[in-house]
Protein backbone atom coordinates (compact mmCIF):
# COMPACT_ATOMS: atom_id res chain seq x y z
CA MET A 1 6.37 1.67 -6.25
CA SER A 2 9.00 0.85 -8.72
CA ALA A 3 10.15 3.63 -11.04
CA PHE A 4 12.80 6.25 -10.36
CA SER A 5 12.04 9.77 -11.52
CA ASN A 6 13.94 11.34 -14.42
CA LYS A 7 15.90 13.44 -11.92
CA THR A 8 16.91 10.38 -9.87
CA GLU A 9 17.93 8.47 -12.99
CA ALA A 10 20.13 11.40 -14.08
CA ALA A 11 21.69 11.59 -10.59
CA ILE A 12 22.51 7.85 -10.67
CA VAL A 13 24.25 8.22 -14.04
CA ASP A 14 26.07 11.37 -12.94
CA HIS A 15 27.30 9.84 -9.69
CA PHE A 16 28.18 6.27 -10.69
CA LEU A 17 29.12 6.66 -14.35
CA ARG A 18 30.43 10.21 -14.58
CA GLY A 19 32.00 10.73 -11.14
CA VAL A 20 29.86 13.79 -10.40
CA GLU A 21 29.11 14.46 -6.73
CA VAL A 22 25.37 14.38 -6.17
CA PRO A 23 23.86 16.19 -3.16
CA VAL A 24 21.93 14.13 -0.62
CA SER A 25 18.16 14.69 -0.65
CA GLY A 26 17.72 15.25 3.09
CA ASP A 27 14.21 14.68 4.43
CA LEU A 28 11.86 12.76 2.15
CA TYR A 29 8.06 12.84 2.04
CA LEU A 30 5.49 10.40 0.70
CA GLY A 31 2.66 11.83 -1.36
CA LEU A 32 -0.58 10.08 -2.32
CA PHE A 33 -2.02 10.14 -5.83
CA THR A 34 -5.26 9.23 -7.58
CA ALA A 35 -3.19 7.92 -10.53
CA ASP A 36 0.54 7.51 -11.18
CA PRO A 37 2.12 10.99 -11.48
CA GLY A 38 4.73 9.79 -14.00
CA GLU A 39 8.48 10.31 -13.82
CA SER A 40 8.59 14.07 -13.52
CA GLY A 41 5.20 15.28 -12.44
CA PHE A 42 2.76 16.25 -9.76
CA ALA A 43 -0.38 15.36 -11.71
CA ASN A 44 -3.05 13.55 -9.73
CA GLU A 45 -1.78 14.36 -6.21
CA ALA A 46 -4.46 13.86 -3.57
CA THR A 47 -6.62 16.92 -2.92
CA TYR A 48 -8.95 15.80 -0.16
CA GLU A 49 -9.45 18.21 2.72
CA GLY A 50 -6.88 17.44 5.42
CA TYR A 51 -4.33 15.81 3.07
CA ALA A 52 -0.63 16.38 3.74
CA ARG A 53 2.49 14.53 2.60
CA GLN A 54 4.16 12.50 5.35
CA MET A 55 7.86 12.20 6.17
CA ILE A 56 9.25 8.79 5.23
CA LYS A 57 12.44 6.94 6.15
CA PHE A 58 13.63 3.77 4.47
CA THR A 59 15.36 0.59 5.62
CA GLU A 60 18.68 -0.57 4.22
CA ILE A 61 18.38 -2.52 0.99
CA ASP A 62 18.03 -6.29 1.53
CA GLU A 63 19.50 -9.24 -0.40
CA ASN A 64 16.53 -9.16 -2.81
CA GLY A 65 16.99 -5.49 -3.71
CA ASN A 66 14.09 -4.29 -1.53
CA THR A 67 13.82 -1.37 0.83
CA SER A 68 10.69 -0.38 2.75
CA ASN A 69 9.30 2.23 5.11
CA ALA A 70 11.23 2.05 8.40
CA GLU A 71 8.41 3.70 10.38
CA ALA A 72 4.63 3.53 10.25
CA LEU A 73 2.99 6.24 8.14
CA LEU A 74 -0.39 7.76 8.95
CA PHE A 75 -1.99 10.30 6.63
CA PRO A 76 -4.62 12.72 7.93
CA ALA A 77 -8.26 11.72 7.57
CA ASN A 78 -10.36 12.90 4.65
CA VAL A 79 -12.54 15.53 6.32
CA SER A 80 -14.33 16.55 3.14
CA GLN A 81 -17.62 15.14 1.90
CA VAL A 82 -15.98 14.01 -1.35
CA ASP A 83 -14.51 10.52 -1.69
CA GLN A 84 -11.06 10.20 -3.23
CA THR A 85 -9.48 6.99 -4.55
CA ILE A 86 -5.77 6.64 -3.79
CA ALA A 87 -4.04 4.47 -6.40
CA ALA A 88 -0.38 5.56 -6.38
CA ALA A 89 2.34 7.13 -4.28
CA ALA A 90 5.56 9.07 -4.86
CA VAL A 91 8.50 10.23 -2.76
CA TYR A 92 9.56 13.89 -2.87
CA ASP A 93 12.13 16.07 -1.15
CA SER A 94 9.44 18.58 -0.14
CA ALA A 95 6.57 18.36 2.34
CA ASP A 96 4.51 20.74 0.20
CA ALA A 97 2.03 19.19 -2.23
CA ASN A 98 2.82 19.91 -5.88
CA ASP A 99 6.37 21.00 -4.99
CA GLY A 100 9.86 19.56 -4.76
CA ASN A 101 11.83 16.97 -6.67
CA GLN A 102 10.32 13.55 -7.20
CA VAL A 103 12.61 10.64 -6.27
CA ILE A 104 10.53 7.54 -7.06
CA HIS A 105 6.90 6.79 -7.89
CA GLY A 106 4.50 3.99 -8.71
CA GLY A 107 1.12 2.41 -8.28
CA LEU A 108 -0.13 0.75 -5.13
CA ILE A 109 -1.05 -2.95 -5.25
CA ASP A 110 -4.53 -2.11 -3.96
CA SER A 111 -6.17 1.28 -4.35
CA LYS A 112 -8.19 2.65 -1.46
CA VAL A 113 -11.29 4.83 -1.50
CA LEU A 114 -11.08 7.46 1.23
CA GLY A 115 -14.55 8.52 2.30
CA PHE A 116 -15.44 10.99 5.05
CA ASN A 117 -13.12 10.50 8.06
CA ASP A 118 -11.22 7.65 6.37
CA LEU A 119 -7.45 7.72 6.57
CA MET A 120 -4.58 6.03 4.80
CA SER A 121 -1.83 4.25 6.68
CA PHE A 122 1.20 2.11 5.94
CA PRO A 123 2.47 -0.17 8.72
CA VAL A 124 6.25 -0.58 9.06
CA GLY A 125 7.64 -2.48 6.07
CA SER A 126 4.43 -2.39 4.01
CA LEU A 127 5.57 0.13 1.39
CA VAL A 128 8.21 -1.90 -0.48
CA LEU A 129 10.49 -0.52 -3.19
CA LYS A 130 12.33 -2.95 -5.46
CA VAL A 131 15.67 -1.60 -6.67
CA ASN A 132 17.40 -3.75 -9.30
């Protein structure tokens, strides 16, 4: 993932260039998408039966401008009979699908087809965000 949302970009400008205090997001949740949702949207969020956003925590930024998931993430299995291809992800401040404020979004290096009983997981450090 690599693009901040419109709301995050505005908060960066407000805080660092305008001296406006910006509230902290609190808990953050990773959502899965069949295609990139864009900078302000919810389009294409996963709809397979059993899907739910998962809480995510990030590491401190490293010397290369990278941060990654500090804990392993495991999404519920697809318990429907319909396959769904996951090609992108986005971070939101809400656990509820199609709700909340998007923080950052982008495509995955490799998409994954979730068939019946397949699940999506991200080991620690595998979801890398480049911030520069």
